[in-house]
PDB file of N, CA and C in Angstrom:
ATOM      1  N   UNK A   1       4.812   0.527  33.286  1.00  0.00           N
ATOM      2  CA  UNK A   1       4.591  -0.098  31.996  1.00  0.00           C
ATOM      3  C   UNK A   1       5.932  -0.674  31.513  1.00  0.00           C
ATOM      4  N   UNK A   2       5.896  -1.898  31.036  1.00  0.00           N
ATOM      5  CA  UNK A   2       7.125  -2.548  30.585  1.00  0.00           C
ATOM      6  C   UNK A   2       7.567  -1.985  29.231  1.00  0.00           C
ATOM      7  N   UNK A   3       8.811  -2.237  28.902  1.00  0.00           N
ATOM      8  CA  UNK A   3       9.339  -1.801  27.607  1.00  0.00           C
ATOM      9  C   UNK A   3       8.524  -2.405  26.464  1.00  0.00           C
ATOM     10  N   UNK A   4       8.134  -3.665  26.616  1.00  0.00           N
ATOM     11  CA  UNK A   4       7.334  -4.335  25.590  1.00  0.00           C
ATOM     12  C   UNK A   4       5.981  -3.643  25.432  1.00  0.00           C
ATOM     13  N   UNK A   5       5.359  -3.271  26.551  1.00  0.00           N
ATOM     14  CA  UNK A   5       4.071  -2.568  26.487  1.00  0.00           C
ATOM     15  C   UNK A   5       4.208  -1.231  25.764  1.00  0.00           C
ATOM     16  N   UNK A   6       5.277  -0.524  26.033  1.00  0.00           N
ATOM     17  CA  UNK A   6       5.519   0.768  25.376  1.00  0.00           C
ATOM     18  C   UNK A   6       5.682   0.563  23.873  1.00  0.00           C
ATOM     19  N   UNK A   7       6.466  -0.431  23.501  1.00  0.00           N
ATOM     20  CA  UNK A   7       6.668  -0.709  22.071  1.00  0.00           C
ATOM     21  C   UNK A   7       5.371  -1.133  21.404  1.00  0.00           C
ATOM     22  N   UNK A   8       4.562  -1.915  22.094  1.00  0.00           N
ATOM     23  CA  UNK A   8       3.272  -2.331  21.521  1.00  0.00           C
ATOM     24  C   UNK A   8       2.341  -1.143  21.358  1.00  0.00           C
ATOM     25  N   UNK A   9       2.409  -0.189  22.269  1.00  0.00           N
ATOM     26  CA  UNK A   9       1.609   1.033  22.119  1.00  0.00           C
ATOM     27  C   UNK A   9       2.055   1.797  20.875  1.00  0.00           C
ATOM     28  N   UNK A  10       3.360   1.810  20.638  1.00  0.00           N
ATOM     29  CA  UNK A  10       3.878   2.442  19.419  1.00  0.00           C
ATOM     30  C   UNK A  10       3.331   1.743  18.178  1.00  0.00           C
ATOM     31  N   UNK A  11       3.346   0.420  18.203  1.00  0.00           N
ATOM     32  CA  UNK A  11       2.800  -0.350  17.072  1.00  0.00           C
ATOM     33  C   UNK A  11       1.317  -0.042  16.879  1.00  0.00           C
ATOM     34  N   UNK A  12       0.552   0.009  17.964  1.00  0.00           N
ATOM     35  CA  UNK A  12      -0.881   0.324  17.871  1.00  0.00           C
ATOM     36  C   UNK A  12      -1.099   1.692  17.230  1.00  0.00           C
ATOM     37  N   UNK A  13      -0.295   2.690  17.635  1.00  0.00           N
ATOM     38  CA  UNK A  13      -0.412   4.041  17.078  1.00  0.00           C
ATOM     39  C   UNK A  13      -0.072   4.022  15.587  1.00  0.00           C
ATOM     40  N   UNK A  14       1.007   3.346  15.246  1.00  0.00           N
ATOM     41  CA  UNK A  14       1.415   3.258  13.844  1.00  0.00           C
ATOM     42  C   UNK A  14       0.383   2.511  13.012  1.00  0.00           C
ATOM     43  N   UNK A  15      -0.180   1.428  13.545  1.00  0.00           N
ATOM     44  CA  UNK A  15      -1.214   0.684  12.821  1.00  0.00           C
ATOM     45  C   UNK A  15      -2.421   1.568  12.532  1.00  0.00           C
ATOM     46  N   UNK A  16      -2.784   2.413  13.471  1.00  0.00           N
ATOM     47  CA  UNK A  16      -3.901   3.340  13.261  1.00  0.00           C
ATOM     48  C   UNK A  16      -3.569   4.309  12.129  1.00  0.00           C
ATOM     49  N   UNK A  17      -2.368   4.860  12.157  1.00  0.00           N
ATOM     50  CA  UNK A  17      -1.954   5.794  11.108  1.00  0.00           C
ATOM     51  C   UNK A  17      -1.908   5.100   9.745  1.00  0.00           C
ATOM     52  N   UNK A  18      -1.339   3.911   9.709  1.00  0.00           N
ATOM     53  CA  UNK A  18      -1.260   3.159   8.455  1.00  0.00           C
ATOM     54  C   UNK A  18      -2.665   2.851   7.934  1.00  0.00           C
ATOM     55  N   UNK A  19      -3.549   2.420   8.825  1.00  0.00           N
ATOM     56  CA  UNK A  19      -4.922   2.121   8.422  1.00  0.00           C
ATOM     57  C   UNK A  19      -5.618   3.336   7.840  1.00  0.00           C
ATOM     58  N   UNK A  20      -5.438   4.483   8.483  1.00  0.00           N
ATOM     59  CA  UNK A  20      -6.058   5.713   7.980  1.00  0.00           C
ATOM     60  C   UNK A  20      -5.488   6.094   6.618  1.00  0.00           C
ATOM     61  N   UNK A  21      -4.179   5.949   6.453  1.00  0.00           N
ATOM     62  CA  UNK A  21      -3.558   6.246   5.168  1.00  0.00           C
ATOM     63  C   UNK A  21      -4.024   5.273   4.083  1.00  0.00           C
ATOM     64  N   UNK A  22      -4.156   4.008   4.438  1.00  0.00           N
ATOM     65  CA  UNK A  22      -4.652   3.033   3.457  1.00  0.00           C
ATOM     66  C   UNK A  22      -6.083   3.355   3.040  1.00  0.00           C
ATOM     67  N   UNK A  23      -6.908   3.766   3.979  1.00  0.00           N
ATOM     68  CA  UNK A  23      -8.277   4.137   3.621  1.00  0.00           C
ATOM     69  C   UNK A  23      -8.294   5.341   2.680  1.00  0.00           C
ATOM     70  N   UNK A  24      -7.403   6.287   2.903  1.00  0.00           N
ATOM     71  CA  UNK A  24      -7.283   7.432   1.983  1.00  0.00           C
ATOM     72  C   UNK A  24      -6.816   6.960   0.613  1.00  0.00           C
ATOM     73  N   UNK A  25      -5.860   6.056   0.598  1.00  0.00           N
ATOM     74  CA  UNK A  25      -5.368   5.509  -0.674  1.00  0.00           C
ATOM     75  C   UNK A  25      -6.491   4.780  -1.398  1.00  0.00           C
ATOM     76  N   UNK A  26      -7.265   3.995  -0.655  1.00  0.00           N
ATOM     77  CA  UNK A  26      -8.351   3.243  -1.267  1.00  0.00           C
ATOM     78  C   UNK A  26      -9.416   4.168  -1.859  1.00  0.00           C
ATOM     79  N   UNK A  27      -9.649   5.306  -1.236  1.00  0.00           N
ATOM     80  CA  UNK A  27     -10.618   6.266  -1.783  1.00  0.00           C
ATOM     81  C   UNK A  27     -10.142   6.765  -3.151  1.00  0.00           C
ATOM     82  N   UNK A  28      -8.858   7.046  -3.267  1.00  0.00           N
ATOM     83  CA  UNK A  28      -8.308   7.478  -4.555  1.00  0.00           C
ATOM     84  C   UNK A  28      -8.353   6.334  -5.559  1.00  0.00           C
ATOM     85  N   UNK A  29      -8.059   5.124  -5.107  1.00  0.00           N
ATOM     86  CA  UNK A  29      -8.100   3.943  -5.968  1.00  0.00           C
ATOM     87  C   UNK A  29      -9.495   3.776  -6.577  1.00  0.00           C
ATOM     88  N   UNK A  30     -10.522   3.986  -5.774  1.00  0.00           N
ATOM     89  CA  UNK A  30     -11.897   3.860  -6.287  1.00  0.00           C
ATOM     90  C   UNK A  30     -12.165   4.903  -7.364  1.00  0.00           C
ATOM     91  N   UNK A  31     -11.649   6.108  -7.180  1.00  0.00           N
ATOM     92  CA  UNK A  31     -11.797   7.148  -8.206  1.00  0.00           C
ATOM     93  C   UNK A  31     -11.068   6.747  -9.482  1.00  0.00           C
ATOM     94  N   UNK A  32      -9.869   6.190  -9.328  1.00  0.00           N
ATOM     95  CA  UNK A  32      -9.116   5.715 -10.483  1.00  0.00           C
ATOM     96  C   UNK A  32      -9.905   4.625 -11.210  1.00  0.00           C
ATOM     97  N   UNK A  33     -10.531   3.739 -10.453  1.00  0.00           N
ATOM     98  CA  UNK A  33     -11.350   2.686 -11.054  1.00  0.00           C
ATOM     99  C   UNK A  33     -12.478   3.259 -11.897  1.00  0.00           C
ATOM    100  N   UNK A  34     -13.104   4.329 -11.403  1.00  0.00           N
ATOM    101  CA  UNK A  34     -14.182   4.967 -12.165  1.00  0.00           C
ATOM    102  C   UNK A  34     -13.654   5.568 -13.472  1.00  0.00           C
ATOM    103  N   UNK A  35     -12.494   6.200 -13.412  1.00  0.00           N
ATOM    104  CA  UNK A  35     -11.891   6.774 -14.622  1.00  0.00           C
ATOM    105  C   UNK A  35     -11.547   5.663 -15.608  1.00  0.00           C
ATOM    106  N   UNK A  36     -10.984   4.571 -15.098  1.00  0.00           N
ATOM    107  CA  UNK A  36     -10.639   3.456 -15.981  1.00  0.00           C
ATOM    108  C   UNK A  36     -11.883   2.858 -16.633  1.00  0.00           C
ATOM    109  N   UNK A  37     -12.965   2.719 -15.870  1.00  0.00           N
ATOM    110  CA  UNK A  37     -14.214   2.205 -16.448  1.00  0.00           C
ATOM    111  C   UNK A  37     -14.722   3.147 -17.527  1.00  0.00           C
ATOM    112  N   UNK A  38     -14.755   4.429 -17.194  1.00  0.00           N
ATOM    113  CA  UNK A  38     -15.266   5.432 -18.132  1.00  0.00           C
ATOM    114  C   UNK A  38     -14.461   5.437 -19.427  1.00  0.00           C
ATOM    115  N   UNK A  39     -13.134   5.295 -19.301  1.00  0.00           N
ATOM    116  CA  UNK A  39     -12.250   5.375 -20.462  1.00  0.00           C
ATOM    117  C   UNK A  39     -11.906   4.011 -21.058  1.00  0.00           C
ATOM    118  N   UNK A  40     -12.594   2.956 -20.575  1.00  0.00           N
ATOM    119  CA  UNK A  40     -12.348   1.599 -21.056  1.00  0.00           C
ATOM    120  C   UNK A  40     -10.880   1.186 -20.963  1.00  0.00           C
ATOM    121  N   UNK A  41     -10.284   1.466 -19.820  1.00  0.00           N
ATOM    122  CA  UNK A  41      -8.893   1.088 -19.579  1.00  0.00           C
ATOM    123  C   UNK A  41      -8.851  -0.157 -18.704  1.00  0.00           C
ATOM    124  N   UNK A  42      -7.832  -0.988 -18.862  1.00  0.00           N
ATOM    125  CA  UNK A  42      -7.729  -2.190 -18.024  1.00  0.00           C
ATOM    126  C   UNK A  42      -7.410  -1.821 -16.578  1.00  0.00           C
ATOM    127  N   UNK A  43      -7.866  -2.662 -15.671  1.00  0.00           N
ATOM    128  CA  UNK A  43      -7.582  -2.463 -14.252  1.00  0.00           C
ATOM    129  C   UNK A  43      -6.084  -2.620 -13.994  1.00  0.00           C
ATOM    130  N   UNK A  44      -5.479  -3.622 -14.592  1.00  0.00           N
ATOM    131  CA  UNK A  44      -4.071  -3.923 -14.346  1.00  0.00           C
ATOM    132  C   UNK A  44      -3.176  -3.127 -15.286  1.00  0.00           C
ATOM    133  N   UNK A  45      -2.154  -2.498 -14.686  1.00  0.00           N
ATOM    134  CA  UNK A  45      -1.121  -1.792 -15.431  1.00  0.00           C
ATOM    135  C   UNK A  45       0.215  -2.240 -14.830  1.00  0.00           C
ATOM    136  N   UNK A  46       0.759  -3.291 -15.395  1.00  0.00           N
ATOM    137  CA  UNK A  46       1.955  -3.924 -14.823  1.00  0.00           C
ATOM    138  C   UNK A  46       3.122  -2.959 -14.703  1.00  0.00           C
ATOM    139  N   UNK A  47       3.318  -2.089 -15.690  1.00  0.00           N
ATOM    140  CA  UNK A  47       4.456  -1.167 -15.606  1.00  0.00           C
ATOM    141  C   UNK A  47       4.273  -0.168 -14.466  1.00  0.00           C
ATOM    142  N   UNK A  48       3.039   0.293 -14.247  1.00  0.00           N
ATOM    143  CA  UNK A  48       2.771   1.201 -13.126  1.00  0.00           C
ATOM    144  C   UNK A  48       2.988   0.477 -11.795  1.00  0.00           C
ATOM    145  N   UNK A  49       2.542  -0.760 -11.709  1.00  0.00           N
ATOM    146  CA  UNK A  49       2.734  -1.536 -10.482  1.00  0.00           C
ATOM    147  C   UNK A  49       4.219  -1.677 -10.162  1.00  0.00           C
ATOM    148  N   UNK A  50       5.025  -1.990 -11.153  1.00  0.00           N
ATOM    149  CA  UNK A  50       6.460  -2.156 -10.929  1.00  0.00           C
ATOM    150  C   UNK A  50       7.118  -0.826 -10.567  1.00  0.00           C
ATOM    151  N   UNK A  51       6.605   0.267 -11.120  1.00  0.00           N
ATOM    152  CA  UNK A  51       7.106   1.598 -10.767  1.00  0.00           C
ATOM    153  C   UNK A  51       6.833   1.895  -9.289  1.00  0.00           C
ATOM    154  N   UNK A  52       5.632   1.571  -8.829  1.00  0.00           N
ATOM    155  CA  UNK A  52       5.274   1.774  -7.424  1.00  0.00           C
ATOM    156  C   UNK A  52       6.165   0.914  -6.529  1.00  0.00           C
ATOM    157  N   UNK A  53       6.347  -0.340  -6.891  1.00  0.00           N
ATOM    158  CA  UNK A  53       7.179  -1.253  -6.098  1.00  0.00           C
ATOM    159  C   UNK A  53       8.614  -0.723  -6.027  1.00  0.00           C
ATOM    160  N   UNK A  54       9.148  -0.265  -7.142  1.00  0.00           N
ATOM    161  CA  UNK A  54      10.522   0.246  -7.163  1.00  0.00           C
ATOM    162  C   UNK A  54      10.668   1.468  -6.256  1.00  0.00           C
ATOM    163  N   UNK A  55       9.679   2.362  -6.295  1.00  0.00           N
ATOM    164  CA  UNK A  55       9.727   3.561  -5.441  1.00  0.00           C
ATOM    165  C   UNK A  55       9.699   3.171  -3.967  1.00  0.00           C
ATOM    166  N   UNK A  56       8.856   2.228  -3.621  1.00  0.00           N
ATOM    167  CA  UNK A  56       8.733   1.811  -2.228  1.00  0.00           C
ATOM    168  C   UNK A  56      10.006   1.098  -1.772  1.00  0.00           C
ATOM    169  N   UNK A  57      10.536   0.228  -2.610  1.00  0.00           N
ATOM    170  CA  UNK A  57      11.770  -0.484  -2.253  1.00  0.00           C
ATOM    171  C   UNK A  57      12.916   0.496  -2.012  1.00  0.00           C
ATOM    172  N   UNK A  58      12.925   1.596  -2.744  1.00  0.00           N
ATOM    173  CA  UNK A  58      14.011   2.571  -2.614  1.00  0.00           C
ATOM    174  C   UNK A  58      13.990   3.290  -1.259  1.00  0.00           C
ATOM    175  N   UNK A  59      12.898   3.191  -0.530  1.00  0.00           N
ATOM    176  CA  UNK A  59      12.802   3.831   0.778  1.00  0.00           C
ATOM    177  C   UNK A  59      13.680   3.144   1.832  1.00  0.00           C
ATOM    178  N   UNK A  60      13.936   1.871   1.636  1.00  0.00           N
ATOM    179  CA  UNK A  60      14.681   1.087   2.638  1.00  0.00           C
ATOM    180  C   UNK A  60      16.129   0.899   2.203  1.00  0.00           C
ATOM    181  N   UNK A  61      17.010   0.818   3.189  1.00  0.00           N
ATOM    182  CA  UNK A  61      18.420   0.526   2.913  1.00  0.00           C
ATOM    183  C   UNK A  61      18.723  -0.954   3.086  1.00  0.00           C
ATOM    184  N   UNK A  62      18.081  -1.566   4.063  1.00  0.00           N
ATOM    185  CA  UNK A  62      18.312  -2.971   4.379  1.00  0.00           C
ATOM    186  C   UNK A  62      17.575  -3.849   3.365  1.00  0.00           C
ATOM    187  N   UNK A  63      18.270  -4.798   2.719  1.00  0.00           N
ATOM    188  CA  UNK A  63      17.623  -5.657   1.722  1.00  0.00           C
ATOM    189  C   UNK A  63      16.387  -6.396   2.256  1.00  0.00           C
ATOM    190  N   UNK A  64      16.437  -6.849   3.506  1.00  0.00           N
ATOM    191  CA  UNK A  64      15.273  -7.564   4.043  1.00  0.00           C
ATOM    192  C   UNK A  64      14.082  -6.622   4.217  1.00  0.00           C
ATOM    193  N   UNK A  65      14.358  -5.360   4.521  1.00  0.00           N
ATOM    194  CA  UNK A  65      13.272  -4.384   4.615  1.00  0.00           C
ATOM    195  C   UNK A  65      12.723  -4.062   3.228  1.00  0.00           C
ATOM    196  N   UNK A  66      13.605  -4.010   2.221  1.00  0.00           N
ATOM    197  CA  UNK A  66      13.139  -3.808   0.845  1.00  0.00           C
ATOM    198  C   UNK A  66      12.163  -4.922   0.467  1.00  0.00           C
ATOM    199  N   UNK A  67      12.545  -6.148   0.785  1.00  0.00           N
ATOM    200  CA  UNK A  67      11.697  -7.302   0.468  1.00  0.00           C
ATOM    201  C   UNK A  67      10.380  -7.242   1.235  1.00  0.00           C
ATOM    202  N   UNK A  68      10.441  -6.840   2.502  1.00  0.00           N
ATOM    203  CA  UNK A  68       9.223  -6.741   3.316  1.00  0.00           C
ATOM    204  C   UNK A  68       8.294  -5.670   2.763  1.00  0.00           C
ATOM    205  N   UNK A  69       8.862  -4.525   2.355  1.00  0.00           N
ATOM    206  CA  UNK A  69       8.038  -3.472   1.754  1.00  0.00           C
ATOM    207  C   UNK A  69       7.402  -3.957   0.455  1.00  0.00           C
ATOM    208  N   UNK A  70       8.180  -4.655  -0.346  1.00  0.00           N
ATOM    209  CA  UNK A  70       7.629  -5.160  -1.605  1.00  0.00           C
ATOM    210  C   UNK A  70       6.474  -6.121  -1.345  1.00  0.00           C
ATOM    211  N   UNK A  71       6.650  -7.022  -0.410  1.00  0.00           N
ATOM    212  CA  UNK A  71       5.589  -7.975  -0.075  1.00  0.00           C
ATOM    213  C   UNK A  71       4.327  -7.238   0.369  1.00  0.00           C
ATOM    214  N   UNK A  72       4.505  -6.265   1.252  1.00  0.00           N
ATOM    215  CA  UNK A  72       3.358  -5.501   1.748  1.00  0.00           C
ATOM    216  C   UNK A  72       2.679  -4.736   0.613  1.00  0.00           C
ATOM    217  N   UNK A  73       3.456  -4.110  -0.242  1.00  0.00           N
ATOM    218  CA  UNK A  73       2.863  -3.323  -1.321  1.00  0.00           C
ATOM    219  C   UNK A  73       2.221  -4.183  -2.395  1.00  0.00           C
ATOM    220  N   UNK A  74       2.754  -5.359  -2.624  1.00  0.00           N
ATOM    221  CA  UNK A  74       2.072  -6.245  -3.581  1.00  0.00           C
ATOM    222  C   UNK A  74       0.683  -6.619  -3.045  1.00  0.00           C
ATOM    223  N   UNK A  75       0.572  -6.802  -1.738  1.00  0.00           N
ATOM    224  CA  UNK A  75      -0.740  -7.080  -1.130  1.00  0.00           C
ATOM    225  C   UNK A  75      -1.640  -5.854  -1.236  1.00  0.00           C
ATOM    226  N   UNK A  76      -1.093  -4.670  -1.009  1.00  0.00           N
ATOM    227  CA  UNK A  76      -1.881  -3.434  -1.121  1.00  0.00           C
ATOM    228  C   UNK A  76      -2.353  -3.244  -2.551  1.00  0.00           C
ATOM    229  N   UNK A  77      -1.475  -3.474  -3.510  1.00  0.00           N
ATOM    230  CA  UNK A  77      -1.852  -3.334  -4.923  1.00  0.00           C
ATOM    231  C   UNK A  77      -2.939  -4.333  -5.288  1.00  0.00           C
ATOM    232  N   UNK A  78      -2.812  -5.549  -4.819  1.00  0.00           N
ATOM    233  CA  UNK A  78      -3.831  -6.576  -5.087  1.00  0.00           C
ATOM    234  C   UNK A  78      -5.191  -6.140  -4.522  1.00  0.00           C
ATOM    235  N   UNK A  79      -5.187  -5.681  -3.286  1.00  0.00           N
ATOM    236  CA  UNK A  79      -6.447  -5.215  -2.667  1.00  0.00           C
ATOM    237  C   UNK A  79      -6.983  -4.011  -3.430  1.00  0.00           C
ATOM    238  N   UNK A  80      -6.102  -3.143  -3.865  1.00  0.00           N
ATOM    239  CA  UNK A  80      -6.514  -1.954  -4.600  1.00  0.00           C
ATOM    240  C   UNK A  80      -7.190  -2.316  -5.928  1.00  0.00           C
ATOM    241  N   UNK A  81      -6.605  -3.289  -6.632  1.00  0.00           N
ATOM    242  CA  UNK A  81      -7.209  -3.698  -7.907  1.00  0.00           C
ATOM    243  C   UNK A  81      -8.614  -4.263  -7.682  1.00  0.00           C
ATOM    244  N   UNK A  82      -8.826  -4.963  -6.577  1.00  0.00           N
ATOM    245  CA  UNK A  82     -10.163  -5.455  -6.273  1.00  0.00           C
ATOM    246  C   UNK A  82     -11.145  -4.328  -6.017  1.00  0.00           C
ATOM    247  N   UNK A  83     -10.669  -3.230  -5.455  1.00  0.00           N
ATOM    248  CA  UNK A  83     -11.533  -2.071  -5.208  1.00  0.00           C
ATOM    249  C   UNK A  83     -11.817  -1.290  -6.474  1.00  0.00           C
ATOM    250  N   UNK A  84     -10.953  -1.387  -7.463  1.00  0.00           N
ATOM    251  CA  UNK A  84     -11.151  -0.661  -8.727  1.00  0.00           C
ATOM    252  C   UNK A  84     -12.252  -1.284  -9.569  1.00  0.00           C
ATOM    253  N   UNK A  85     -12.557  -2.549  -9.333  1.00  0.00           N
ATOM    254  CA  UNK A  85     -13.531  -3.264 -10.178  1.00  0.00           C
ATOM    255  C   UNK A  85     -14.930  -2.762  -9.949  1.00  0.00           C
TER     256      UNK A  85
END
């Protein structure tokens, strides 16, 4: 097996783990959506979103990785808000 094949297998394993974690996150997001509906709260909470982004950005040391994490999490947050509706 080539080095590239080994690395791609690593990516496949990580993608599976990430997908499973996202599905778990989405399950919680749906519960949050129900609470927000019940309590007449808005779906969007900009300060909470920025708090999440800041926490995620703090995980990386490299500025380009910080930016990549932010981009990914903004997409996750967007998808999450759609699931809360």
